[in-house]
């Protein structure tokens, strides 16, 4: 049993930005507004791919869009892919799914949050702080949705 534990390995090899963009299509006019209270949309997803043997690239993709509450025009748009190269070895498929879908995105999120906050502020906008995200709960919801979809899709009439 102890030997099985020794065969498991999880290492962070590298954390890096894979893609990052910022757009402010209403500049400079947006800075003349009397009030700043945009509608903000957050889109979040993660993906993984095998790089080589036990090395996996995990990508956390975050899109933040702020729109004018009255005209619905985009004030700023940030798209970021925060990535990490992880060595993941010796885990069951279920354990691997939890690591790639929850643990690794949790590692990447603080880096993504810092980059997003910095670029929005450098774009001339007020401070923007992404709230903590419970990746464990998101992963669990995704698993439950997949199970429900499988049951719904697997039903057949005999």
Protein backbone atom coordinates (compact mmCIF):
# COMPACT_ATOMS: atom_id res chain seq x y z
CA UNK A 1 0.00 0.00 0.00
CA UNK A 2 2.83 2.40 0.85
CA UNK A 3 4.47 1.66 -2.51
CA UNK A 4 1.29 2.78 -4.32
CA UNK A 5 1.47 6.14 -2.54
CA UNK A 6 5.12 6.54 -3.62
CA UNK A 7 4.12 6.14 -7.27
CA UNK A 8 1.85 9.20 -7.15
CA UNK A 9 3.40 12.46 -8.22
CA UNK A 10 2.03 15.96 -8.69
CA UNK A 11 4.49 18.71 -9.54
CA UNK A 12 4.21 22.22 -10.92
CA UNK A 13 6.75 22.44 -13.72
CA UNK A 14 5.90 25.91 -15.02
CA UNK A 15 3.17 28.56 -14.73
CA UNK A 16 2.83 30.95 -17.66
CA UNK A 17 0.53 33.22 -19.66
CA UNK A 18 -0.54 31.50 -22.85
CA UNK A 19 -2.76 34.25 -24.27
CA UNK A 20 -3.83 37.67 -22.99
CA UNK A 21 -5.77 40.51 -24.58
CA UNK A 22 -7.36 43.77 -23.48
CA UNK A 23 -9.75 45.93 -25.48
CA UNK A 24 -11.30 49.27 -24.58
CA UNK A 25 -13.40 50.17 -27.64
CA UNK A 26 -15.09 53.22 -26.06
CA UNK A 27 -11.85 54.97 -25.04
CA UNK A 28 -11.30 57.81 -24.41
CA UNK A 29 -14.97 58.79 -24.22
CA UNK A 30 -15.67 56.25 -21.47
CA UNK A 31 -13.47 58.24 -19.08
CA UNK A 32 -15.71 61.30 -19.32
CA UNK A 33 -18.72 59.53 -17.79
CA UNK A 34 -20.03 60.98 -14.54
CA UNK A 35 -20.78 57.60 -13.02
CA UNK A 36 -18.99 54.24 -13.18
CA UNK A 37 -21.37 51.31 -12.65
CA UNK A 38 -21.05 48.89 -15.56
CA UNK A 39 -22.61 45.46 -15.95
CA UNK A 40 -19.83 42.91 -15.66
CA UNK A 41 -19.89 39.41 -17.14
CA UNK A 42 -17.40 36.70 -16.15
CA UNK A 43 -16.86 33.55 -18.17
CA UNK A 44 -14.59 30.86 -16.80
CA UNK A 45 -13.45 27.46 -18.11
CA UNK A 46 -10.53 25.12 -17.83
CA UNK A 47 -9.08 22.53 -20.15
CA UNK A 48 -6.23 20.07 -20.12
CA UNK A 49 -4.11 18.33 -22.70
CA UNK A 50 -1.33 15.79 -22.55
CA UNK A 51 2.01 17.29 -23.50
CA UNK A 52 4.14 14.19 -23.06
CA UNK A 53 3.64 11.05 -20.96
CA UNK A 54 2.81 12.34 -17.46
CA UNK A 55 3.11 16.05 -18.35
CA UNK A 56 -0.17 17.91 -18.74
CA UNK A 57 -0.94 21.47 -19.74
CA UNK A 58 -3.84 22.88 -17.75
CA UNK A 59 -5.34 26.11 -19.10
CA UNK A 60 -7.62 28.38 -17.11
CA UNK A 61 -9.48 30.70 -19.49
CA UNK A 62 -11.14 33.79 -18.03
CA UNK A 63 -13.11 36.40 -19.96
CA UNK A 64 -14.27 39.60 -18.25
CA UNK A 65 -16.53 42.00 -20.12
CA UNK A 66 -17.80 45.31 -18.73
CA UNK A 67 -20.72 46.91 -20.55
CA UNK A 68 -22.45 50.22 -20.11
CA UNK A 69 -25.64 49.57 -18.17
CA UNK A 70 -27.69 51.88 -20.38
CA UNK A 71 -26.35 51.45 -23.92
CA UNK A 72 -24.98 47.90 -23.56
CA UNK A 73 -21.76 49.03 -25.31
CA UNK A 74 -18.60 47.19 -24.32
CA UNK A 75 -16.41 49.36 -22.08
CA UNK A 76 -13.61 46.85 -21.74
CA UNK A 77 -12.99 43.22 -22.59
CA UNK A 78 -10.24 41.07 -21.08
CA UNK A 79 -9.47 37.57 -22.29
CA UNK A 80 -6.78 35.57 -20.54
CA UNK A 81 -5.43 32.05 -20.73
CA UNK A 82 -3.35 31.31 -17.64
CA UNK A 83 -1.59 28.00 -18.11
CA UNK A 84 0.52 25.59 -16.18
CA UNK A 85 2.61 22.58 -17.03
CA UNK A 86 2.05 19.91 -14.40
CA UNK A 87 3.52 16.47 -13.91
CA UNK A 88 0.65 14.24 -12.81
CA UNK A 89 1.50 10.58 -12.36
CA UNK A 90 0.02 7.55 -10.66
CA UNK A 91 -3.51 8.77 -10.01
CA UNK A 92 -6.75 7.01 -10.89
CA UNK A 93 -8.88 8.51 -13.66
CA UNK A 94 -11.26 9.95 -11.05
CA UNK A 95 -8.40 11.47 -9.04
CA UNK A 96 -6.84 12.85 -12.22
CA UNK A 97 -10.14 14.48 -13.16
CA UNK A 98 -10.32 16.22 -9.78
CA UNK A 99 -6.70 17.39 -10.03
CA UNK A 100 -7.05 18.72 -13.59
CA UNK A 101 -10.52 20.17 -13.06
CA UNK A 102 -10.18 21.67 -9.60
CA UNK A 103 -6.76 21.52 -7.95
CA UNK A 104 -4.71 22.86 -10.87
CA UNK A 105 -7.13 25.71 -11.74
CA UNK A 106 -6.98 26.68 -8.05
CA UNK A 107 -3.20 26.99 -8.42
CA UNK A 108 -3.52 29.09 -11.59
CA UNK A 109 -6.30 31.43 -10.44
CA UNK A 110 -4.25 33.85 -8.28
CA UNK A 111 -1.87 34.48 -11.19
CA UNK A 112 -4.81 35.11 -13.54
CA UNK A 113 -6.54 37.38 -11.03
CA UNK A 114 -3.41 39.50 -10.58
CA UNK A 115 -2.89 39.85 -14.34
CA UNK A 116 -6.51 40.81 -14.97
CA UNK A 117 -6.59 43.38 -12.15
CA UNK A 118 -3.35 44.92 -13.39
CA UNK A 119 -4.34 45.25 -17.04
CA UNK A 120 -7.75 46.75 -16.21
CA UNK A 121 -6.12 49.35 -13.98
CA UNK A 122 -3.46 50.09 -16.62
CA UNK A 123 -6.32 50.53 -19.08
CA UNK A 124 -7.44 53.51 -16.98
CA UNK A 125 -10.36 51.86 -15.21
CA UNK A 126 -11.09 51.66 -11.48
CA UNK A 127 -9.67 48.78 -9.47
CA UNK A 128 -11.22 45.45 -10.39
CA UNK A 129 -10.95 42.50 -8.03
CA UNK A 130 -12.08 39.04 -9.04
CA UNK A 131 -13.67 37.33 -6.06
CA UNK A 132 -12.39 33.89 -5.00
CA UNK A 133 -13.82 31.01 -6.98
CA UNK A 134 -14.68 27.61 -5.52
CA UNK A 135 -13.26 25.31 -8.19
CA UNK A 136 -14.16 22.25 -6.11
CA UNK A 137 -17.85 23.18 -6.27
CA UNK A 138 -17.62 24.02 -10.00
CA UNK A 139 -15.96 20.67 -10.71
CA UNK A 140 -18.62 18.84 -8.71
CA UNK A 141 -21.42 20.67 -10.55
CA UNK A 142 -19.80 19.74 -13.86
CA UNK A 143 -19.60 16.09 -12.83
CA UNK A 144 -23.25 16.09 -11.74
CA UNK A 145 -24.29 17.72 -15.04
CA UNK A 146 -22.35 15.13 -17.06
CA UNK A 147 -23.98 12.31 -15.06
CA UNK A 148 -27.45 13.82 -15.61
CA UNK A 149 -26.74 14.26 -19.34
CA UNK A 150 -25.54 10.65 -19.58
CA UNK A 151 -28.70 9.37 -17.89
CA UNK A 152 -30.94 11.53 -20.09
CA UNK A 153 -29.07 10.55 -23.25
CA UNK A 154 -28.79 6.89 -22.30
CA UNK A 155 -32.50 6.28 -21.85
CA UNK A 156 -33.96 4.27 -24.66
CA UNK A 157 -37.36 2.82 -25.36
CA UNK A 158 -37.34 -0.96 -25.81
